Amino acid sequence: MFTLDQINEIHNNFGKKSTLPQYLHALNEIGVMKYDSFITDGHSEYYGAENQLLVSSAIHEKLAIAETSNLEALKIHLELHAQGKTDYFQMIQGLADSGVEKWTFNTSQLTIAYYDKAGNELLADEID
C-alpha cells in the first residue's frame, strides 16, 4: 500500500519533464498503477492493486473546463509548454480552455492520455 508521502517524495525527486520516465517507474515500484490529474483544481487520484485509491489535495484555485473540447488547441498548448513558452499554470489554463478535464498516466505502459468532461480520450502519447 502506497502513501501520499511516498508519492510526494517521488514527485519532489523526479517530477520534471526531463525525468518523467523515472518518475513513472518510481510510482510503479511503490504500487501506483495509474493516476488521474484533474485540471479543475490540480488534485490527483492514484490507483493501485486491490482497488487502492488515494486522493491528493487541490493545488490551485478552481479553473472552469470548456464544455466543448478542441484537439488542435490542446496540441498547441502542449507544444508551447514543451518549447518552454508557458509555465505550468499557463499550460493548465490552456488545457482547461481546450476542454481537457484530466490527464491519466499509466505507470506500467508509460503513457499519458488527455480526456474531456464526457470521458472521451482526446490524445494519447507514449512517454520516452
Protein backbone atom coordinates (compact mmCIF):
# COMPACT_ATOMS: atom_id res chain seq x y z
CA MET A 1 0.00 0.00 0.00
CA PHE A 2 1.48 3.30 -1.10
CA THR A 3 1.08 6.59 0.72
CA LEU A 4 0.78 10.23 -0.29
CA ASP A 5 4.10 10.87 1.50
CA GLN A 6 5.82 8.34 -0.79
CA ILE A 7 4.17 9.88 -3.86
CA ASN A 8 5.18 13.39 -2.79
CA GLU A 9 8.79 12.30 -2.24
CA ILE A 10 8.92 10.73 -5.71
CA HIS A 11 7.38 13.87 -7.18
CA ASN A 12 9.99 16.04 -5.44
CA ASN A 13 12.80 13.86 -6.82
CA PHE A 14 11.54 13.16 -10.36
CA GLY A 15 8.55 15.44 -11.06
CA LYS A 16 10.05 17.18 -14.09
CA LYS A 17 9.57 16.61 -17.80
CA SER A 18 13.21 15.55 -18.15
CA THR A 19 12.79 12.80 -15.54
CA LEU A 20 9.22 11.76 -16.38
CA PRO A 21 10.08 8.11 -17.24
CA GLN A 22 11.95 7.73 -13.92
CA TYR A 23 9.00 9.36 -12.12
CA LEU A 24 6.53 6.87 -13.59
CA HIS A 25 8.84 3.91 -12.91
CA ALA A 26 9.25 5.02 -9.28
CA LEU A 27 5.47 5.34 -8.86
CA ASN A 28 5.01 1.90 -10.39
CA GLU A 29 7.58 0.42 -7.99
CA ILE A 30 5.53 1.53 -4.97
CA GLY A 31 2.33 0.12 -6.48
CA VAL A 32 0.72 3.05 -8.32
CA MET A 33 -0.77 1.54 -11.48
CA LYS A 34 -2.17 4.76 -12.88
CA TYR A 35 -3.21 8.19 -11.78
CA ASP A 36 -5.56 10.90 -12.93
CA SER A 37 -4.65 14.55 -12.52
CA PHE A 38 -7.65 16.88 -12.71
CA ILE A 39 -7.19 20.24 -14.42
CA THR A 40 -10.01 21.93 -12.50
CA ASP A 41 -8.06 22.12 -9.20
CA GLY A 42 -4.89 20.06 -9.65
CA HIS A 43 -5.86 17.21 -7.34
CA SER A 44 -4.81 13.70 -8.35
CA GLU A 45 -6.30 10.26 -7.81
CA TYR A 46 -3.79 7.42 -7.53
CA TYR A 47 -4.91 3.85 -8.22
CA GLY A 48 -3.22 0.66 -7.05
CA ALA A 49 -3.91 -3.04 -6.74
CA GLU A 50 -6.95 -4.31 -4.85
CA ASN A 51 -8.87 -1.10 -5.52
CA GLN A 52 -6.47 1.09 -3.57
CA LEU A 53 -7.26 4.76 -4.16
CA LEU A 54 -5.53 7.79 -2.69
CA VAL A 55 -6.69 11.32 -3.45
CA SER A 56 -4.39 14.31 -3.08
CA SER A 57 -5.44 17.80 -2.13
CA ALA A 58 -6.20 20.52 -4.64
CA ILE A 59 -3.10 22.54 -5.56
CA HIS A 60 -4.62 25.62 -7.18
CA GLU A 61 -7.83 27.60 -7.43
CA LYS A 62 -10.61 26.09 -9.50
CA LEU A 63 -10.49 26.50 -13.25
CA ALA A 64 -13.54 26.24 -15.48
CA ILE A 65 -13.28 23.48 -18.08
CA ALA A 66 -14.69 24.30 -21.53
CA GLU A 67 -17.78 22.28 -22.37
CA THR A 68 -16.55 21.57 -25.90
CA SER A 69 -13.13 20.05 -26.44
CA ASN A 70 -10.70 21.32 -29.07
CA LEU A 71 -7.98 18.86 -30.03
CA GLU A 72 -6.00 21.34 -32.12
CA ALA A 73 -5.92 23.88 -29.28
CA LEU A 74 -4.84 21.10 -26.89
CA LYS A 75 -1.92 20.22 -29.17
CA ILE A 76 -0.90 23.88 -29.45
CA HIS A 77 -0.87 24.35 -25.65
CA LEU A 78 1.17 21.18 -25.15
CA GLU A 79 3.67 22.25 -27.82
CA LEU A 80 4.03 25.75 -26.32
CA HIS A 81 4.74 24.17 -22.94
CA ALA A 82 7.22 21.69 -24.43
CA GLN A 83 9.06 24.64 -26.00
CA GLY A 84 9.25 26.36 -22.61
CA LYS A 85 6.99 29.21 -23.72
CA THR A 86 4.44 28.63 -20.94
CA ASP A 87 4.72 27.76 -17.27
CA TYR A 88 2.65 25.02 -15.61
CA PHE A 89 -0.25 27.31 -14.73
CA GLN A 90 -0.42 28.81 -18.23
CA MET A 91 -0.42 25.29 -19.65
CA ILE A 92 -3.25 24.04 -17.46
CA GLN A 93 -5.33 27.15 -18.20
CA GLY A 94 -4.82 26.39 -21.89
CA LEU A 95 -5.86 22.78 -21.33
CA ALA A 96 -8.97 23.90 -19.43
CA ASP A 97 -9.82 26.27 -22.29
CA SER A 98 -9.33 23.33 -24.69
CA GLY A 99 -11.88 21.23 -22.81
CA VAL A 100 -9.44 18.90 -21.04
CA GLU A 101 -10.81 17.67 -17.71
CA LYS A 102 -7.89 15.42 -16.75
CA TRP A 103 -4.82 13.58 -17.87
CA THR A 104 -4.05 10.00 -16.96
CA PHE A 105 -0.61 8.45 -16.57
CA ASN A 106 -0.29 4.67 -16.89
CA THR A 107 2.86 3.79 -14.94
CA SER A 108 3.48 0.37 -16.48
CA GLN A 109 2.79 1.30 -20.11
CA LEU A 110 4.46 4.73 -19.74
CA THR A 111 1.61 6.58 -21.43
CA ILE A 112 -0.32 9.78 -20.89
CA ALA A 113 -3.84 10.36 -22.16
CA TYR A 114 -5.96 13.52 -22.07
CA TYR A 115 -9.74 13.32 -21.53
CA ASP A 116 -12.66 15.68 -21.88
CA LYS A 117 -15.55 16.08 -19.44
CA ALA A 118 -17.51 13.29 -21.14
CA GLY A 119 -14.61 10.86 -20.61
CA ASN A 120 -13.59 10.83 -24.27
CA GLU A 121 -9.89 10.33 -24.92
CA LEU A 122 -8.67 13.33 -26.89
CA LEU A 123 -5.00 12.45 -27.23
CA ALA A 124 -2.65 9.74 -26.01
CA ASP A 125 1.14 9.65 -26.10
CA GLU A 126 3.94 7.33 -25.08
CA ILE A 127 6.48 8.71 -22.63
CA ASP A 128 10.07 8.32 -23.79
